[in-house]
């Protein structure tokens, strides 16, 4: 994968996360948890497959905090 691919995926996750956070119902909270989990797993996978992958930049681009990255799956 290229940097361009990582940027597109991060933007997609960020947009979906914004949608999920815009409502405060139970379903939105579940969606946010799911998006957080997917982003963390993708970040780990991208880092394992590409030694030049910058996990910190990806996390910032998906609008996830370091605290969220440490949450159990």
PDB file of N, CA and C in Angstrom:
ATOM      1  N   UNK A   1       0.842  -1.178   0.000  1.00  0.00           N
ATOM      2  CA  UNK A   1       0.000   0.000   0.000  1.00  0.00           C
ATOM      3  C   UNK A   1       0.887   1.241   0.000  1.00  0.00           C
ATOM      4  N   UNK A   2       0.318   2.313  -0.475  1.00  0.00           N
ATOM      5  CA  UNK A   2       1.066   3.561  -0.546  1.00  0.00           C
ATOM      6  C   UNK A   2       0.533   4.562   0.477  1.00  0.00           C
ATOM      7  N   UNK A   3       1.268   5.652   0.637  1.00  0.00           N
ATOM      8  CA  UNK A   3       0.847   6.718   1.545  1.00  0.00           C
ATOM      9  C   UNK A   3      -0.545   7.229   1.153  1.00  0.00           C
ATOM     10  N   UNK A   4      -0.779   7.313  -0.136  1.00  0.00           N
ATOM     11  CA  UNK A   4      -2.069   7.777  -0.638  1.00  0.00           C
ATOM     12  C   UNK A   4      -3.203   6.870  -0.141  1.00  0.00           C
ATOM     13  N   UNK A   5      -2.965   5.562  -0.135  1.00  0.00           N
ATOM     14  CA  UNK A   5      -3.972   4.618   0.361  1.00  0.00           C
ATOM     15  C   UNK A   5      -4.236   4.832   1.843  1.00  0.00           C
ATOM     16  N   UNK A   6      -3.166   4.997   2.627  1.00  0.00           N
ATOM     17  CA  UNK A   6      -3.313   5.216   4.066  1.00  0.00           C
ATOM     18  C   UNK A   6      -4.113   6.489   4.351  1.00  0.00           C
ATOM     19  N   UNK A   7      -3.849   7.528   3.592  1.00  0.00           N
ATOM     20  CA  UNK A   7      -4.551   8.803   3.774  1.00  0.00           C
ATOM     21  C   UNK A   7      -6.039   8.642   3.475  1.00  0.00           C
ATOM     22  N   UNK A   8      -6.364   7.943   2.405  1.00  0.00           N
ATOM     23  CA  UNK A   8      -7.772   7.727   2.051  1.00  0.00           C
ATOM     24  C   UNK A   8      -8.497   6.906   3.116  1.00  0.00           C
ATOM     25  N   UNK A   9      -7.850   5.875   3.627  1.00  0.00           N
ATOM     26  CA  UNK A   9      -8.463   5.036   4.654  1.00  0.00           C
ATOM     27  C   UNK A   9      -8.656   5.831   5.943  1.00  0.00           C
ATOM     28  N   UNK A  10      -7.657   6.605   6.327  1.00  0.00           N
ATOM     29  CA  UNK A  10      -7.762   7.425   7.540  1.00  0.00           C
ATOM     30  C   UNK A  10      -8.901   8.438   7.408  1.00  0.00           C
ATOM     31  N   UNK A  11      -9.025   9.049   6.247  1.00  0.00           N
ATOM     32  CA  UNK A  11     -10.094  10.027   6.023  1.00  0.00           C
ATOM     33  C   UNK A  11     -11.466   9.357   6.111  1.00  0.00           C
ATOM     34  N   UNK A  12     -11.587   8.162   5.562  1.00  0.00           N
ATOM     35  CA  UNK A  12     -12.848   7.431   5.625  1.00  0.00           C
ATOM     36  C   UNK A  12     -13.214   7.125   7.081  1.00  0.00           C
ATOM     37  N   UNK A  13     -12.246   6.634   7.851  1.00  0.00           N
ATOM     38  CA  UNK A  13     -12.502   6.322   9.256  1.00  0.00           C
ATOM     39  C   UNK A  13     -12.892   7.578  10.039  1.00  0.00           C
ATOM     40  N   UNK A  14     -12.196   8.667   9.765  1.00  0.00           N
ATOM     41  CA  UNK A  14     -12.496   9.922  10.457  1.00  0.00           C
ATOM     42  C   UNK A  14     -13.917  10.391  10.145  1.00  0.00           C
ATOM     43  N   UNK A  15     -14.302  10.311   8.892  1.00  0.00           N
ATOM     44  CA  UNK A  15     -15.653  10.736   8.509  1.00  0.00           C
ATOM     45  C   UNK A  15     -16.725   9.859   9.151  1.00  0.00           C
ATOM     46  N   UNK A  16     -16.496   8.562   9.165  1.00  0.00           N
ATOM     47  CA  UNK A  16     -17.459   7.652   9.798  1.00  0.00           C
ATOM     48  C   UNK A  16     -17.532   7.892  11.295  1.00  0.00           C
ATOM     49  N   UNK A  17     -16.401   8.182  11.881  1.00  0.00           N
ATOM     50  CA  UNK A  17     -16.359   8.463  13.315  1.00  0.00           C
ATOM     51  C   UNK A  17     -17.147   9.730  13.641  1.00  0.00           C
ATOM     52  N   UNK A  18     -16.979  10.757  12.816  1.00  0.00           N
ATOM     53  CA  UNK A  18     -17.731  12.003  13.016  1.00  0.00           C
ATOM     54  C   UNK A  18     -19.229  11.750  12.940  1.00  0.00           C
ATOM     55  N   UNK A  19     -19.641  10.924  11.983  1.00  0.00           N
ATOM     56  CA  UNK A  19     -21.058  10.587  11.853  1.00  0.00           C
ATOM     57  C   UNK A  19     -21.557   9.888  13.118  1.00  0.00           C
ATOM     58  N   UNK A  20     -20.754   8.941  13.591  1.00  0.00           N
ATOM     59  CA  UNK A  20     -21.152   8.184  14.782  1.00  0.00           C
ATOM     60  C   UNK A  20     -21.225   9.075  16.013  1.00  0.00           C
ATOM     61  N   UNK A  21     -20.324  10.026  16.122  1.00  0.00           N
ATOM     62  CA  UNK A  21     -20.293  10.900  17.291  1.00  0.00           C
ATOM     63  C   UNK A  21     -21.319  12.027  17.224  1.00  0.00           C
ATOM     64  N   UNK A  22     -21.901  12.242  16.054  1.00  0.00           N
ATOM     65  CA  UNK A  22     -22.862  13.336  15.918  1.00  0.00           C
ATOM     66  C   UNK A  22     -24.168  13.049  16.657  1.00  0.00           C
ATOM     67  N   UNK A  23     -24.509  11.772  16.815  1.00  0.00           N
ATOM     68  CA  UNK A  23     -25.690  11.377  17.580  1.00  0.00           C
ATOM     69  C   UNK A  23     -25.236  10.800  18.907  1.00  0.00           C
ATOM     70  N   UNK A  24     -26.052  10.924  19.899  1.00  0.00           N
ATOM     71  CA  UNK A  24     -25.677  10.434  21.225  1.00  0.00           C
ATOM     72  C   UNK A  24     -26.508   9.235  21.666  1.00  0.00           C
ATOM     73  N   UNK A  25     -27.067   8.505  20.712  1.00  0.00           N
ATOM     74  CA  UNK A  25     -27.841   7.331  21.090  1.00  0.00           C
ATOM     75  C   UNK A  25     -26.923   6.110  21.240  1.00  0.00           C
ATOM     76  N   UNK A  26     -27.488   5.035  21.700  1.00  0.00           N
ATOM     77  CA  UNK A  26     -26.715   3.819  21.972  1.00  0.00           C
ATOM     78  C   UNK A  26     -26.045   3.285  20.706  1.00  0.00           C
ATOM     79  N   UNK A  27     -26.771   3.280  19.594  1.00  0.00           N
ATOM     80  CA  UNK A  27     -26.229   2.768  18.344  1.00  0.00           C
ATOM     81  C   UNK A  27     -24.996   3.554  17.918  1.00  0.00           C
ATOM     82  N   UNK A  28     -25.008   4.852  18.087  1.00  0.00           N
ATOM     83  CA  UNK A  28     -23.870   5.687  17.726  1.00  0.00           C
ATOM     84  C   UNK A  28     -22.654   5.361  18.581  1.00  0.00           C
ATOM     85  N   UNK A  29     -22.875   5.094  19.852  1.00  0.00           N
ATOM     86  CA  UNK A  29     -21.760   4.736  20.731  1.00  0.00           C
ATOM     87  C   UNK A  29     -21.146   3.406  20.310  1.00  0.00           C
ATOM     88  N   UNK A  30     -21.981   2.461  19.925  1.00  0.00           N
ATOM     89  CA  UNK A  30     -21.490   1.162  19.456  1.00  0.00           C
ATOM     90  C   UNK A  30     -20.698   1.343  18.158  1.00  0.00           C
ATOM     91  N   UNK A  31     -21.209   2.171  17.254  1.00  0.00           N
ATOM     92  CA  UNK A  31     -20.503   2.443  16.001  1.00  0.00           C
ATOM     93  C   UNK A  31     -19.135   3.060  16.278  1.00  0.00           C
ATOM     94  N   UNK A  32     -19.063   3.983  17.214  1.00  0.00           N
ATOM     95  CA  UNK A  32     -17.798   4.629  17.544  1.00  0.00           C
ATOM     96  C   UNK A  32     -16.799   3.615  18.092  1.00  0.00           C
ATOM     97  N   UNK A  33     -17.262   2.717  18.935  1.00  0.00           N
ATOM     98  CA  UNK A  33     -16.386   1.676  19.476  1.00  0.00           C
ATOM     99  C   UNK A  33     -15.877   0.786  18.348  1.00  0.00           C
ATOM    100  N   UNK A  34     -16.751   0.430  17.428  1.00  0.00           N
ATOM    101  CA  UNK A  34     -16.367  -0.404  16.297  1.00  0.00           C
ATOM    102  C   UNK A  34     -15.349   0.310  15.406  1.00  0.00           C
ATOM    103  N   UNK A  35     -15.570   1.568  15.107  1.00  0.00           N
ATOM    104  CA  UNK A  35     -14.643   2.339  14.279  1.00  0.00           C
ATOM    105  C   UNK A  35     -13.279   2.441  14.960  1.00  0.00           C
ATOM    106  N   UNK A  36     -13.271   2.669  16.259  1.00  0.00           N
ATOM    107  CA  UNK A  36     -12.028   2.740  17.014  1.00  0.00           C
ATOM    108  C   UNK A  36     -11.267   1.425  16.918  1.00  0.00           C
ATOM    109  N   UNK A  37     -11.959   0.339  17.069  1.00  0.00           N
ATOM    110  CA  UNK A  37     -11.333  -0.979  16.990  1.00  0.00           C
ATOM    111  C   UNK A  37     -10.759  -1.241  15.598  1.00  0.00           C
ATOM    112  N   UNK A  38     -11.511  -0.927  14.578  1.00  0.00           N
ATOM    113  CA  UNK A  38     -11.044  -1.122  13.198  1.00  0.00           C
ATOM    114  C   UNK A  38      -9.809  -0.275  12.928  1.00  0.00           C
ATOM    115  N   UNK A  39      -9.826   0.978  13.344  1.00  0.00           N
ATOM    116  CA  UNK A  39      -8.679   1.861  13.119  1.00  0.00           C
ATOM    117  C   UNK A  39      -7.427   1.335  13.811  1.00  0.00           C
ATOM    118  N   UNK A  40      -7.581   0.856  15.046  1.00  0.00           N
ATOM    119  CA  UNK A  40      -6.431   0.314  15.785  1.00  0.00           C
ATOM    120  C   UNK A  40      -5.869  -0.916  15.083  1.00  0.00           C
ATOM    121  N   UNK A  41      -6.756  -1.791  14.642  1.00  0.00           N
ATOM    122  CA  UNK A  41      -6.302  -3.002  13.969  1.00  0.00           C
ATOM    123  C   UNK A  41      -5.633  -2.693  12.633  1.00  0.00           C
ATOM    124  N   UNK A  42      -6.192  -1.765  11.880  1.00  0.00           N
ATOM    125  CA  UNK A  42      -5.566  -1.364  10.622  1.00  0.00           C
ATOM    126  C   UNK A  42      -4.189  -0.750  10.862  1.00  0.00           C
ATOM    127  N   UNK A  43      -4.090   0.091  11.879  1.00  0.00           N
ATOM    128  CA  UNK A  43      -2.818   0.714  12.203  1.00  0.00           C
ATOM    129  C   UNK A  43      -1.754  -0.335  12.520  1.00  0.00           C
ATOM    130  N   UNK A  44      -2.122  -1.326  13.303  1.00  0.00           N
ATOM    131  CA  UNK A  44      -1.191  -2.413  13.621  1.00  0.00           C
ATOM    132  C   UNK A  44      -0.792  -3.197  12.375  1.00  0.00           C
ATOM    133  N   UNK A  45      -1.767  -3.493  11.533  1.00  0.00           N
ATOM    134  CA  UNK A  45      -1.508  -4.252  10.309  1.00  0.00           C
ATOM    135  C   UNK A  45      -0.613  -3.468   9.347  1.00  0.00           C
ATOM    136  N   UNK A  46      -0.919  -2.174   9.171  1.00  0.00           N
ATOM    137  CA  UNK A  46      -0.113  -1.357   8.268  1.00  0.00           C
ATOM    138  C   UNK A  46       1.324  -1.257   8.768  1.00  0.00           C
ATOM    139  N   UNK A  47       1.491  -1.103  10.075  1.00  0.00           N
ATOM    140  CA  UNK A  47       2.825  -1.026  10.659  1.00  0.00           C
ATOM    141  C   UNK A  47       3.607  -2.313  10.490  1.00  0.00           C
ATOM    142  N   UNK A  48       2.927  -3.446  10.596  1.00  0.00           N
ATOM    143  CA  UNK A  48       3.590  -4.741  10.423  1.00  0.00           C
ATOM    144  C   UNK A  48       3.988  -4.979   8.973  1.00  0.00           C
ATOM    145  N   UNK A  49       3.199  -4.450   8.044  1.00  0.00           N
ATOM    146  CA  UNK A  49       3.466  -4.668   6.620  1.00  0.00           C
ATOM    147  C   UNK A  49       4.382  -3.628   5.996  1.00  0.00           C
ATOM    148  N   UNK A  50       4.542  -2.487   6.657  1.00  0.00           N
ATOM    149  CA  UNK A  50       5.351  -1.418   6.081  1.00  0.00           C
ATOM    150  C   UNK A  50       6.168  -0.752   7.183  1.00  0.00           C
ATOM    151  N   UNK A  51       7.488  -1.000   7.208  1.00  0.00           N
ATOM    152  CA  UNK A  51       8.315  -0.419   8.269  1.00  0.00           C
ATOM    153  C   UNK A  51       8.348   1.113   8.252  1.00  0.00           C
ATOM    154  N   UNK A  52       7.982   1.723   7.146  1.00  0.00           N
ATOM    155  CA  UNK A  52       7.978   3.188   7.052  1.00  0.00           C
ATOM    156  C   UNK A  52       6.631   3.794   7.458  1.00  0.00           C
ATOM    157  N   UNK A  53       5.656   2.949   7.748  1.00  0.00           N
ATOM    158  CA  UNK A  53       4.335   3.430   8.141  1.00  0.00           C
ATOM    159  C   UNK A  53       4.437   4.170   9.470  1.00  0.00           C
ATOM    160  N   UNK A  54       3.853   5.355   9.528  1.00  0.00           N
ATOM    161  CA  UNK A  54       3.889   6.183  10.734  1.00  0.00           C
ATOM    162  C   UNK A  54       2.552   6.064  11.464  1.00  0.00           C
ATOM    163  N   UNK A  55       2.552   5.231  12.495  1.00  0.00           N
ATOM    164  CA  UNK A  55       1.330   4.960  13.248  1.00  0.00           C
ATOM    165  C   UNK A  55       0.783   6.233  13.906  1.00  0.00           C
ATOM    166  N   UNK A  56       1.675   7.088  14.390  1.00  0.00           N
ATOM    167  CA  UNK A  56       1.253   8.329  15.047  1.00  0.00           C
ATOM    168  C   UNK A  56       0.474   9.222  14.087  1.00  0.00           C
ATOM    169  N   UNK A  57       0.956   9.366  12.871  1.00  0.00           N
ATOM    170  CA  UNK A  57       0.256  10.183  11.876  1.00  0.00           C
ATOM    171  C   UNK A  57      -1.102   9.579  11.535  1.00  0.00           C
ATOM    172  N   UNK A  58      -1.143   8.258  11.421  1.00  0.00           N
ATOM    173  CA  UNK A  58      -2.404   7.594  11.097  1.00  0.00           C
ATOM    174  C   UNK A  58      -3.414   7.809  12.208  1.00  0.00           C
ATOM    175  N   UNK A  59      -2.964   7.671  13.442  1.00  0.00           N
ATOM    176  CA  UNK A  59      -3.854   7.867  14.592  1.00  0.00           C
ATOM    177  C   UNK A  59      -4.418   9.284  14.582  1.00  0.00           C
ATOM    178  N   UNK A  60      -3.565  10.259  14.365  1.00  0.00           N
ATOM    179  CA  UNK A  60      -4.034  11.653  14.320  1.00  0.00           C
ATOM    180  C   UNK A  60      -5.008  11.863  13.173  1.00  0.00           C
ATOM    181  N   UNK A  61      -4.729  11.232  12.042  1.00  0.00           N
ATOM    182  CA  UNK A  61      -5.581  11.405  10.861  1.00  0.00           C
ATOM    183  C   UNK A  61      -6.960  10.777  11.050  1.00  0.00           C
ATOM    184  N   UNK A  62      -7.056   9.744  11.865  1.00  0.00           N
ATOM    185  CA  UNK A  62      -8.350   9.113  12.114  1.00  0.00           C
ATOM    186  C   UNK A  62      -9.063   9.748  13.299  1.00  0.00           C
ATOM    187  N   UNK A  63      -8.405  10.725  13.928  1.00  0.00           N
ATOM    188  CA  UNK A  63      -8.968  11.460  15.048  1.00  0.00           C
ATOM    189  C   UNK A  63      -9.136  10.585  16.288  1.00  0.00           C
ATOM    190  N   UNK A  64      -8.258   9.610  16.460  1.00  0.00           N
ATOM    191  CA  UNK A  64      -8.264   8.759  17.643  1.00  0.00           C
ATOM    192  C   UNK A  64      -7.193   9.236  18.604  1.00  0.00           C
ATOM    193  N   UNK A  65      -7.486   9.209  19.882  1.00  0.00           N
ATOM    194  CA  UNK A  65      -6.489   9.583  20.867  1.00  0.00           C
ATOM    195  C   UNK A  65      -5.618   8.375  21.216  1.00  0.00           C
ATOM    196  N   UNK A  66      -4.459   8.630  21.777  1.00  0.00           N
ATOM    197  CA  UNK A  66      -3.579   7.537  22.206  1.00  0.00           C
ATOM    198  C   UNK A  66      -4.286   6.686  23.256  1.00  0.00           C
ATOM    199  N   UNK A  67      -5.091   7.313  24.088  1.00  0.00           N
ATOM    200  CA  UNK A  67      -5.843   6.600  25.115  1.00  0.00           C
ATOM    201  C   UNK A  67      -6.795   5.578  24.492  1.00  0.00           C
ATOM    202  N   UNK A  68      -7.483   5.985  23.412  1.00  0.00           N
ATOM    203  CA  UNK A  68      -8.395   5.075  22.706  1.00  0.00           C
ATOM    204  C   UNK A  68      -7.633   3.923  22.069  1.00  0.00           C
ATOM    205  N   UNK A  69      -6.419   4.202  21.594  1.00  0.00           N
ATOM    206  CA  UNK A  69      -5.616   3.153  20.967  1.00  0.00           C
ATOM    207  C   UNK A  69      -5.261   2.054  21.961  1.00  0.00           C
ATOM    208  N   UNK A  70      -5.225   2.368  23.245  1.00  0.00           N
ATOM    209  CA  UNK A  70      -4.842   1.400  24.277  1.00  0.00           C
ATOM    210  C   UNK A  70      -6.013   0.603  24.832  1.00  0.00           C
ATOM    211  N   UNK A  71      -7.229   0.947  24.433  1.00  0.00           N
ATOM    212  CA  UNK A  71      -8.398   0.241  24.941  1.00  0.00           C
ATOM    213  C   UNK A  71      -8.372  -1.221  24.468  1.00  0.00           C
ATOM    214  N   UNK A  72      -8.813  -2.152  25.307  1.00  0.00           N
ATOM    215  CA  UNK A  72      -8.830  -3.553  24.905  1.00  0.00           C
ATOM    216  C   UNK A  72      -9.834  -3.781  23.776  1.00  0.00           C
ATOM    217  N   UNK A  73      -9.580  -4.807  22.986  1.00  0.00           N
ATOM    218  CA  UNK A  73     -10.476  -5.107  21.871  1.00  0.00           C
ATOM    219  C   UNK A  73     -11.782  -5.669  22.343  1.00  0.00           C
TER     220      UNK A  73
END
